[in-house]
């Protein structure tokens, strides 16, 4: 089982790839449970991104086989039904909106994630391009077939303030991973909930953005459009969040 994937990784270093059909068939035929297949696939794709030439067409078109996509969709639906609603007080949200004023560099990172809805790695590599007074042009979306697609990302605060805070954050020139680890502890205290993680700021972001709009479309479709999800089933996890 390991030998085939190791061989694909070695060939990828020189830009040689199998066909998508061949690779997907390999995962379909693996004699392991679907849960394990998804885990192996995810790990392999991460390894492939590290060794393959950047922006190679194979990486941007790589996708899960249909039976695994259906399995993931089923798991997401079950997760939505089983995960309890997480409640964040409006007082905490107000505190989050003011973190850009803090001299603490971890607070600034939390504010940037909250106001942009980007993932940690996306924010770290973000090339700031203004789209409007309240939005940026963004490419580099993770977990998508078209990683180089550029689209407009609405900010919860002005572009001017976001740019200023991002510059202050980057001028610190500190280790990003260390700051992220500390911020992941701090966010639990701010939200007064030990189960909260930095990635939950993405959930808060999309909820606040949805509240600001006219709500003419379903929350799932709204998440797809603004978070870059490939299907509305991926957005089920985001609906179990509420501001009280």
Foldseek 3Di string as FASTA:
>chain_A
DVVVLVVQLVCQLVPDHDDLVVVQVVLVPPPDDLVVSVVVVVVSLVSSCVRHDPPDLCNLQRDHPPVSVVVVLVVLVVCLVPDAFAEFAVVLVVVLCPLLPDPQLLSLVLNLCLFFLADLVQLVPFDFADDDQFWTWGAQQPPHSRRGDIDITGTPDTPVSSVVSSVSNVVVVDDSVVSQVVSQCVVCVSRVHPVDGSNCSSLNNLVVVCVPDPVPDDSLVSCCVNNVDPGSSVVSVSVSYYYD
